[in-house]
Structure formats: C-alpha cells, structure tokens
Amino acid sequence: MIMAASNSMLYGYHSVAEALKAGRRRVHRVYLAQGKSSPRRESLGFMARNAAVEVEFVSMQRLTDMVGHRQHQGIGATVSAYPFCRLEQLLDSGPADPFILVLDQIVDPRNLGAIARTAVCAGIQAIVMPKDRSSPVSPAASKASAGALEHLPVALVTNIVKTINALKDKGLWIAGAEGQGTKSLFESDLTGPLAIVIGGEEKGLRPLVKKTCDFTLAIPQAGPIDSLNASVAAGIIVYEAFRQRQISNKK
C-alpha cells in the first residue's frame, strides 16, 4: 500500500468507529468532548480502549479548534495517513469476477464520500481515481462516506485512459455513465468482470475517456430535469449492476 504524506484528524462517530474496525490505518489517539454524556461517545471510548488506543477527554472548543469546525459530533481522532493501493495490486490479487468503480475527476469530497458509501454497500471491490483534479480522500470525505472509505481500497492513477486500457487487458468490460449513453441502463448486461466509470460533476466523462469505454450507459429519466447528481447517478448504476450480479450468482 502507498501511504499519503502525513497524519489526519478524523472526526464524527462513523469515521472514527470505522477506522477502528477496519484496522487499515493506525489510530493514534481518540478525543472525546467533555460534558453531557453520549451513548455514541461512550461506545467509541470502549472501542478505542479495546483496541489499546488512548482516549483523551477535551473541551468542545478545543476539539473544534483541532478539527477546524463544529461538525465533529464531539468525537475526533488522530490517525495515520490514508493507505492507498497500487493499481497493480488490485489487478493481480483481486477476485476472479472484478467489480470496480472508476471516478473521472470527482472533485467534491461529499460526492466522493456518498459514492464510496454506496460502493461498499453494493459490493464494489475498489475505487480508482486520478491523482490530479480529484477530491482528496480527506476527513470530510470519510465523514460523508459514514466511514465507508476506511474499508474500501482506493488506487490513485496518473492517467485514466491508460488505466481503462489496463483494466481491459485484464478482461474487464468498461461501462461509462453518460446522459446520452449508447445503451439504457436497464437493458445492459452488467454481470461479469466490470468497471463502471463515473464522470465529474461539471462535464461528466471527458471525451477521450468516453471513447475508451466499451459502451456507455444512460439512466432512463422522466420529467423536465435531465441530469442527476454524480453521486446519485453512481448509486443508481452501481445498484442496478449489483442487482444483476446477485441474480446471475444464484443461477
């Protein structure tokens, strides 16, 4: 795994709890706000002590100063940097029936977090995204994912087009999400080795990325609004693939 350059300050119950459960990065210390007792804080303190992690009680204001804002639910933790995976690891040691999500320039950490949360629930095995022009896997993204990012392998790559071609070489079909896609989502076969590509919030898939996909998917829509938020679109597509794969596995 590739470690980012420095430690992080996670905040919020789910981010810290899932970091403790996942064990993918070291939790140095858990900080809990003093004052009125909270079942979640008590539970988290118990989890931390069971994992031999020191717990420190601090004032709400000090925790706010440490995190940088008030959206911490009275919970914080210093942790080691996020452990990114190498693409080669994903391709060489992954399951026989890969199910991967490729994010082409998702820049909003809330969208990244929401996508990761859905991805974990739907059985996505890894996320691949570019090093540049993407949201960092930040504490804000971890909180938005309800801690899901703490469990999900993420690979950072230099070139998405080259990455798609590498996935093809490993036998994956590449499906791009596109408003004017060549196939309807509900008429597409999303079983077997698959990578789903989700474009950025502003412009969707970049032209060369779209051209490199094996096919593009359109989500059927009704009504006057003709576009969906990137994280919502990703959720719909990923869960349709999950549904099809569940049915296929039962045959």
Protein backbone atom coordinates (compact mmCIF):
# COMPACT_ATOMS: atom_id res chain seq x y z
CA MET A 1 0.00 0.00 0.00
CA ILE A 2 1.03 3.62 -0.57
CA MET A 3 0.76 5.92 2.42
CA ALA A 4 -0.04 9.59 1.99
CA ALA A 5 2.44 12.11 3.36
CA SER A 6 1.06 12.92 6.81
CA ASN A 7 -1.34 12.04 9.59
CA SER A 8 -5.01 13.04 9.51
CA MET A 9 -7.58 14.23 12.02
CA LEU A 10 -10.77 12.22 11.53
CA TYR A 11 -13.98 13.48 13.09
CA GLY A 12 -17.52 12.24 13.64
CA TYR A 13 -18.70 8.95 15.09
CA HIS A 14 -18.79 6.80 11.95
CA SER A 15 -15.42 7.92 10.56
CA VAL A 16 -13.59 7.16 13.80
CA ALA A 17 -15.55 3.97 14.59
CA GLU A 18 -14.96 2.51 11.12
CA ALA A 19 -11.27 3.42 11.22
CA LEU A 20 -11.02 1.42 14.45
CA LYS A 21 -12.97 -1.51 12.97
CA ALA A 22 -11.17 -1.58 9.63
CA GLY A 23 -7.66 -1.50 11.07
CA ARG A 24 -6.23 -0.27 7.79
CA ARG A 25 -4.50 2.70 9.38
CA ARG A 26 -3.19 3.35 12.85
CA VAL A 27 -5.40 5.28 15.24
CA HIS A 28 -3.01 7.23 17.46
CA ARG A 29 -5.48 8.80 19.88
CA VAL A 30 -9.23 9.31 20.21
CA TYR A 31 -10.57 12.62 21.51
CA LEU A 32 -13.98 12.84 23.16
CA ALA A 33 -15.72 16.04 24.19
CA GLN A 34 -16.29 16.59 27.88
CA GLY A 35 -19.69 17.42 29.31
CA LYS A 36 -23.03 15.75 28.77
CA SER A 37 -22.65 12.02 28.30
CA SER A 38 -23.46 10.50 24.91
CA PRO A 39 -24.06 6.80 24.17
CA ARG A 40 -22.04 7.11 20.98
CA ARG A 41 -19.07 8.72 22.72
CA GLU A 42 -19.19 6.10 25.46
CA SER A 43 -19.35 3.32 22.86
CA LEU A 44 -16.44 4.81 20.94
CA GLY A 45 -14.38 5.17 24.09
CA PHE A 46 -14.98 1.49 24.82
CA MET A 47 -13.98 0.52 21.26
CA ALA A 48 -10.80 2.58 21.45
CA ARG A 49 -9.72 1.13 24.78
CA ASN A 50 -10.37 -2.40 23.48
CA ALA A 51 -8.06 -1.58 20.58
CA ALA A 52 -5.41 -0.26 23.01
CA VAL A 53 -5.88 3.31 21.74
CA GLU A 54 -5.51 6.13 24.23
CA VAL A 55 -8.64 8.20 24.87
CA GLU A 56 -8.40 11.85 25.87
CA PHE A 57 -11.31 13.98 27.06
CA VAL A 58 -11.14 17.60 25.89
CA SER A 59 -13.42 20.60 25.87
CA MET A 60 -15.82 21.01 22.97
CA GLN A 61 -13.99 24.21 21.98
CA ARG A 62 -10.60 22.50 21.91
CA LEU A 63 -11.99 19.74 19.72
CA THR A 64 -13.48 22.36 17.41
CA ASP A 65 -10.10 24.07 17.22
CA MET A 66 -8.37 20.77 16.44
CA VAL A 67 -10.83 19.81 13.71
CA GLY A 68 -11.33 23.32 12.32
CA HIS A 69 -15.13 23.42 12.53
CA ARG A 70 -18.04 22.29 14.69
CA GLN A 71 -19.25 19.33 12.60
CA HIS A 72 -17.44 16.74 14.72
CA GLN A 73 -20.22 15.35 16.99
CA GLY A 74 -17.87 15.66 19.95
CA ILE A 75 -15.56 12.98 18.51
CA GLY A 76 -12.16 13.16 16.83
CA ALA A 77 -9.10 11.01 16.30
CA THR A 78 -5.56 11.43 15.05
CA VAL A 79 -4.81 8.66 12.57
CA SER A 80 -2.08 7.70 10.14
CA ALA A 81 -2.41 8.74 6.52
CA TYR A 82 -4.91 7.01 4.24
CA PRO A 83 -3.42 3.77 2.81
CA PHE A 84 -3.80 3.93 -0.96
CA CYS A 85 -3.36 0.76 -3.03
CA ARG A 86 -1.39 0.32 -6.22
CA LEU A 87 -3.43 -0.46 -9.31
CA GLU A 88 -1.18 -3.47 -9.92
CA GLN A 89 -2.22 -4.88 -6.55
CA LEU A 90 -5.89 -4.57 -7.47
CA LEU A 91 -5.40 -6.21 -10.86
CA ASP A 92 -3.11 -9.02 -9.77
CA SER A 93 -4.60 -10.01 -6.43
CA GLY A 94 -8.26 -9.16 -6.94
CA PRO A 95 -11.17 -11.60 -7.18
CA ALA A 96 -11.95 -13.63 -10.28
CA ASP A 97 -15.05 -11.54 -11.01
CA PRO A 98 -13.86 -7.92 -10.52
CA PHE A 99 -16.37 -5.15 -9.81
CA ILE A 100 -14.56 -1.80 -9.81
CA LEU A 101 -15.59 1.86 -9.83
CA VAL A 102 -13.51 4.39 -11.78
CA LEU A 103 -14.08 8.07 -10.91
CA ASP A 104 -13.09 10.55 -13.60
CA GLN A 105 -12.47 13.88 -11.79
CA ILE A 106 -14.98 13.80 -8.94
CA VAL A 107 -13.88 16.93 -7.07
CA ASP A 108 -16.44 17.34 -4.27
CA PRO A 109 -15.48 15.37 -1.12
CA ARG A 110 -19.17 14.99 -0.25
CA ASN A 111 -19.80 13.30 -3.60
CA LEU A 112 -16.73 11.11 -3.16
CA GLY A 113 -17.96 10.10 0.29
CA ALA A 114 -21.51 9.41 -0.87
CA ILE A 115 -20.24 7.32 -3.79
CA ALA A 116 -17.92 5.32 -1.53
CA ARG A 117 -20.74 4.65 0.93
CA THR A 118 -22.94 3.21 -1.83
CA ALA A 119 -19.99 1.34 -3.34
CA VAL A 120 -19.25 -0.54 -0.13
CA CYS A 121 -22.91 -1.44 0.35
CA ALA A 122 -23.18 -2.72 -3.23
CA GLY A 123 -20.04 -4.85 -3.22
CA ILE A 124 -17.68 -2.64 -5.20
CA GLN A 125 -14.21 -4.06 -4.59
CA ALA A 126 -12.14 -0.91 -5.21
CA ILE A 127 -12.25 2.67 -6.41
CA VAL A 128 -9.76 4.00 -8.96
CA MET A 129 -9.36 7.74 -9.49
CA PRO A 130 -6.78 10.19 -10.88
CA LYS A 131 -4.15 11.78 -8.67
CA ASP A 132 -4.95 15.23 -10.06
CA ARG A 133 -8.28 17.08 -10.33
CA SER A 134 -9.98 14.78 -7.84
CA SER A 135 -11.23 15.19 -4.33
CA PRO A 136 -8.66 14.03 -1.79
CA VAL A 137 -9.58 11.11 0.43
CA SER A 138 -9.92 13.60 3.26
CA PRO A 139 -11.55 13.55 6.71
CA ALA A 140 -14.51 15.36 5.12
CA ALA A 141 -14.85 12.62 2.51
CA SER A 142 -14.56 9.93 5.19
CA LYS A 143 -17.32 11.56 7.22
CA ALA A 144 -19.54 11.92 4.14
CA SER A 145 -19.00 8.21 3.47
CA ALA A 146 -20.11 7.33 7.03
CA GLY A 147 -16.72 5.68 7.41
CA ALA A 148 -17.05 3.51 4.30
CA LEU A 149 -13.79 4.85 2.87
CA GLU A 150 -11.98 3.27 5.81
CA HIS A 151 -12.86 -0.16 4.38
CA LEU A 152 -12.52 0.46 0.63
CA PRO A 153 -9.29 0.05 -1.36
CA VAL A 154 -8.55 3.19 -3.39
CA ALA A 155 -5.92 3.44 -6.13
CA LEU A 156 -4.64 6.77 -7.42
CA VAL A 157 -3.50 6.75 -11.05
CA THR A 158 -1.82 9.23 -13.35
CA ASN A 159 -3.85 8.59 -16.49
CA ILE A 160 -7.44 7.31 -16.54
CA VAL A 161 -7.37 6.30 -20.22
CA LYS A 162 -4.26 4.15 -19.72
CA THR A 163 -5.88 2.69 -16.61
CA ILE A 164 -9.02 1.76 -18.53
CA ASN A 165 -6.90 0.03 -21.15
CA ALA A 166 -5.04 -1.84 -18.39
CA LEU A 167 -8.38 -2.99 -16.98
CA LYS A 168 -9.42 -4.15 -20.44
CA ASP A 169 -6.21 -6.14 -20.73
CA LYS A 170 -7.24 -7.94 -17.53
CA GLY A 171 -10.57 -8.92 -19.11
CA LEU A 172 -12.86 -6.26 -17.63
CA TRP A 173 -15.67 -4.66 -19.57
CA ILE A 174 -15.75 -0.87 -19.19
CA ALA A 175 -19.14 0.86 -18.86
CA GLY A 176 -19.23 4.65 -18.79
CA ALA A 177 -22.09 6.65 -17.27
CA GLU A 178 -23.33 9.12 -19.88
CA GLY A 179 -26.57 11.06 -20.19
CA GLN A 180 -26.78 10.22 -23.90
CA GLY A 181 -25.39 6.73 -23.50
CA THR A 182 -25.50 4.13 -26.25
CA LYS A 183 -27.44 1.71 -24.03
CA SER A 184 -30.20 2.08 -21.48
CA LEU A 185 -29.03 1.11 -18.00
CA PHE A 186 -31.92 -1.33 -17.60
CA GLU A 187 -31.18 -3.06 -20.92
CA SER A 188 -27.45 -3.52 -20.34
CA ASP A 189 -25.65 -6.63 -19.12
CA LEU A 190 -23.62 -5.60 -16.08
CA THR A 191 -22.56 -9.07 -14.95
CA GLY A 192 -19.05 -10.48 -15.22
CA PRO A 193 -15.75 -8.60 -14.83
CA LEU A 194 -16.79 -4.95 -14.86
CA ALA A 195 -15.56 -1.42 -14.26
CA ILE A 196 -18.09 1.41 -14.13
CA VAL A 197 -16.76 4.87 -14.98
CA ILE A 198 -18.43 7.93 -13.43
CA GLY A 199 -17.62 11.37 -14.82
CA GLY A 200 -17.04 14.62 -12.96
CA GLU A 201 -19.76 16.84 -11.53
CA GLU A 202 -19.49 19.60 -14.14
CA LYS A 203 -18.87 17.94 -17.50
CA GLY A 204 -19.34 14.20 -16.96
CA LEU A 205 -16.99 11.88 -18.82
CA ARG A 206 -14.18 13.55 -20.71
CA PRO A 207 -14.33 12.81 -24.47
CA LEU A 208 -11.29 10.51 -24.64
CA VAL A 209 -12.38 8.65 -21.51
CA LYS A 210 -15.83 8.14 -23.02
CA LYS A 211 -14.31 6.95 -26.30
CA THR A 212 -12.16 4.40 -24.45
CA CYS A 213 -15.15 2.80 -22.68
CA ASP A 214 -16.59 -0.34 -24.28
CA PHE A 215 -20.08 1.14 -24.05
CA THR A 216 -21.91 3.97 -22.29
CA LEU A 217 -24.97 3.77 -20.06
CA ALA A 218 -27.91 6.15 -19.93
CA ILE A 219 -30.21 6.22 -16.90
CA PRO A 220 -33.84 6.39 -18.11
CA GLN A 221 -35.49 9.57 -16.83
CA ALA A 222 -38.86 11.27 -16.87
CA GLY A 223 -39.79 14.86 -16.18
CA PRO A 224 -38.27 18.24 -17.01
CA ILE A 225 -34.88 17.78 -15.26
CA ASP A 226 -32.47 15.89 -17.48
CA SER A 227 -29.47 15.37 -15.22
CA LEU A 228 -28.62 13.69 -11.91
CA ASN A 229 -26.05 14.49 -9.26
CA ALA A 230 -22.89 12.44 -9.83
CA SER A 231 -23.23 10.52 -6.58
CA VAL A 232 -26.92 9.78 -7.22
CA ALA A 233 -26.18 8.58 -10.76
CA ALA A 234 -23.35 6.40 -9.45
CA GLY A 235 -25.67 4.90 -6.84
CA ILE A 236 -28.36 4.03 -9.37
CA ILE A 237 -25.92 2.40 -11.79
CA VAL A 238 -23.94 0.54 -9.15
CA TYR A 239 -27.09 -0.89 -7.58
CA GLU A 240 -28.51 -1.99 -10.93
CA ALA A 241 -25.22 -3.82 -11.51
CA PHE A 242 -25.41 -5.26 -8.00
CA ARG A 243 -28.98 -6.47 -8.66
CA GLN A 244 -27.99 -8.17 -11.91
CA ARG A 245 -24.92 -9.77 -10.36
CA GLN A 246 -26.94 -11.13 -7.44
CA ILE A 247 -29.37 -12.77 -9.85
CA SER A 248 -26.54 -14.13 -12.00
CA ASN A 249 -24.74 -15.62 -8.98
CA LYS A 250 -27.87 -17.55 -7.99
CA LYS A 251 -28.17 -19.30 -11.34
